[in-house]
Amino acid sequence: MVGWFEVRVDGPKRHHYRLLCLLDCEAQAQSKPFLAVVQGLDKAFRTTLSDSDYAKVRALRDEYHRRNPRSTS
């Protein structure tokens, strides 16, 4: 997934939390680029996120990009 930023945090009992973000440089009415949080996910230790998880994230990205000016709240 090119252009994505992922914040990774390890929680209690080795549970993993992921925050998937995009750097938005094309939003109208914004003087500087900003990091848009798209989706937060979690997963158990030594597992992977599913293809359907990533498909949902891409759908949210596409919905976000369809609007300009962007929803920033």
C-alpha atoms as a PDB file:
ATOM      1  CA  MET A   1       0.000   0.000   0.000  1.00  0.00           C
ATOM      2  CA  VAL A   2       2.140   2.835  -1.317  1.00  0.00           C
ATOM      3  CA  GLY A   3       1.819   6.196   0.430  1.00  0.00           C
ATOM      4  CA  TRP A   4       0.624   4.823   3.746  1.00  0.00           C
ATOM      5  CA  PHE A   5       2.090   5.499   7.162  1.00  0.00           C
ATOM      6  CA  GLU A   6       1.585   2.997   9.936  1.00  0.00           C
ATOM      7  CA  VAL A   7       1.916   3.725  13.638  1.00  0.00           C
ATOM      8  CA  ARG A   8       2.600   0.518  15.580  1.00  0.00           C
ATOM      9  CA  VAL A   9       2.074   0.079  19.297  1.00  0.00           C
ATOM     10  CA  ASP A  10       2.467  -3.105  21.280  1.00  0.00           C
ATOM     11  CA  GLY A  11      -0.053  -3.503  24.066  1.00  0.00           C
ATOM     12  CA  PRO A  12      -0.471  -5.813  27.026  1.00  0.00           C
ATOM     13  CA  LYS A  13       0.079  -9.540  26.470  1.00  0.00           C
ATOM     14  CA  ARG A  14       1.845  -8.791  23.177  1.00  0.00           C
ATOM     15  CA  HIS A  15      -1.310  -7.538  21.462  1.00  0.00           C
ATOM     16  CA  HIS A  16      -0.583  -5.222  18.535  1.00  0.00           C
ATOM     17  CA  TYR A  17      -2.357  -1.995  17.596  1.00  0.00           C
ATOM     18  CA  ARG A  18      -2.025  -0.323  14.204  1.00  0.00           C
ATOM     19  CA  LEU A  19      -3.014   3.176  13.093  1.00  0.00           C
ATOM     20  CA  LEU A  20      -3.073   3.571   9.300  1.00  0.00           C
ATOM     21  CA  CYS A  21      -2.594   7.143   8.053  1.00  0.00           C
ATOM     22  CA  LEU A  22      -2.071   9.129   4.850  1.00  0.00           C
ATOM     23  CA  LEU A  23      -0.088  12.313   4.340  1.00  0.00           C
ATOM     24  CA  ASP A  24      -2.553  14.646   2.619  1.00  0.00           C
ATOM     25  CA  CYS A  25      -0.862  17.328   0.504  1.00  0.00           C
ATOM     26  CA  GLU A  26      -3.837  18.106  -1.753  1.00  0.00           C
ATOM     27  CA  ALA A  27      -6.559  19.125   0.697  1.00  0.00           C
ATOM     28  CA  GLN A  28      -8.186  22.447  -0.096  1.00  0.00           C
ATOM     29  CA  ALA A  29      -8.234  25.165   2.576  1.00  0.00           C
ATOM     30  CA  GLN A  30      -5.127  23.719   4.294  1.00  0.00           C
ATOM     31  CA  SER A  31      -1.901  25.693   4.319  1.00  0.00           C
ATOM     32  CA  LYS A  32       0.291  22.675   5.090  1.00  0.00           C
ATOM     33  CA  PRO A  33       0.118  18.936   4.532  1.00  0.00           C
ATOM     34  CA  PHE A  34      -1.428  16.995   7.355  1.00  0.00           C
ATOM     35  CA  LEU A  35      -1.564  13.403   8.487  1.00  0.00           C
ATOM     36  CA  ALA A  36      -5.035  11.932   8.026  1.00  0.00           C
ATOM     37  CA  VAL A  37      -5.889   8.972  10.247  1.00  0.00           C
ATOM     38  CA  VAL A  38      -7.811   6.497   8.101  1.00  0.00           C
ATOM     39  CA  GLN A  39      -8.310   3.430  10.298  1.00  0.00           C
ATOM     40  CA  GLY A  40      -7.226   1.870  13.568  1.00  0.00           C
ATOM     41  CA  LEU A  41      -6.849  -1.905  13.761  1.00  0.00           C
ATOM     42  CA  ASP A  42      -5.617  -4.446  16.254  1.00  0.00           C
ATOM     43  CA  LYS A  43      -4.297  -7.962  15.971  1.00  0.00           C
ATOM     44  CA  ALA A  44      -3.027 -10.773  18.110  1.00  0.00           C
ATOM     45  CA  PHE A  45       0.682 -11.534  18.465  1.00  0.00           C
ATOM     46  CA  ARG A  46       2.235 -13.231  15.421  1.00  0.00           C
ATOM     47  CA  THR A  47      -0.808 -12.811  13.214  1.00  0.00           C
ATOM     48  CA  THR A  48      -1.332 -10.696  10.126  1.00  0.00           C
ATOM     49  CA  LEU A  49      -4.102  -8.388   9.084  1.00  0.00           C
ATOM     50  CA  SER A  50      -6.388 -10.000   6.532  1.00  0.00           C
ATOM     51  CA  ASP A  51      -6.848  -9.032   2.905  1.00  0.00           C
ATOM     52  CA  SER A  52     -10.390  -7.933   3.796  1.00  0.00           C
ATOM     53  CA  ASP A  53      -8.978  -5.613   6.516  1.00  0.00           C
ATOM     54  CA  TYR A  54      -6.751  -3.955   3.934  1.00  0.00           C
ATOM     55  CA  ALA A  55      -9.638  -3.776   1.433  1.00  0.00           C
ATOM     56  CA  LYS A  56     -11.733  -1.892   4.015  1.00  0.00           C
ATOM     57  CA  VAL A  57      -8.872   0.527   4.639  1.00  0.00           C
ATOM     58  CA  ARG A  58      -8.469   1.171   0.907  1.00  0.00           C
ATOM     59  CA  ALA A  59     -12.226   1.800   0.609  1.00  0.00           C
ATOM     60  CA  LEU A  60     -12.013   4.364   3.409  1.00  0.00           C
ATOM     61  CA  ARG A  61      -9.052   6.013   1.660  1.00  0.00           C
ATOM     62  CA  ASP A  62     -11.005   6.219  -1.596  1.00  0.00           C
ATOM     63  CA  GLU A  63     -14.023   7.719   0.167  1.00  0.00           C
ATOM     64  CA  TYR A  64     -11.760  10.269   1.885  1.00  0.00           C
ATOM     65  CA  HIS A  65     -10.139  11.325  -1.417  1.00  0.00           C
ATOM     66  CA  ARG A  66     -13.503  11.760  -3.154  1.00  0.00           C
ATOM     67  CA  ARG A  67     -14.213  14.831  -1.001  1.00  0.00           C
ATOM     68  CA  ASN A  68     -12.293  18.073  -1.328  1.00  0.00           C
ATOM     69  CA  PRO A  69     -12.445  20.128   0.817  1.00  0.00           C
ATOM     70  CA  ARG A  70     -11.770  17.189   3.077  1.00  0.00           C
ATOM     71  CA  SER A  71     -13.569  16.276   6.252  1.00  0.00           C
ATOM     72  CA  THR A  72     -11.003  17.075   8.952  1.00  0.00           C
ATOM     73  CA  SER A  73     -12.885  16.369  12.158  1.00  0.00           C
END
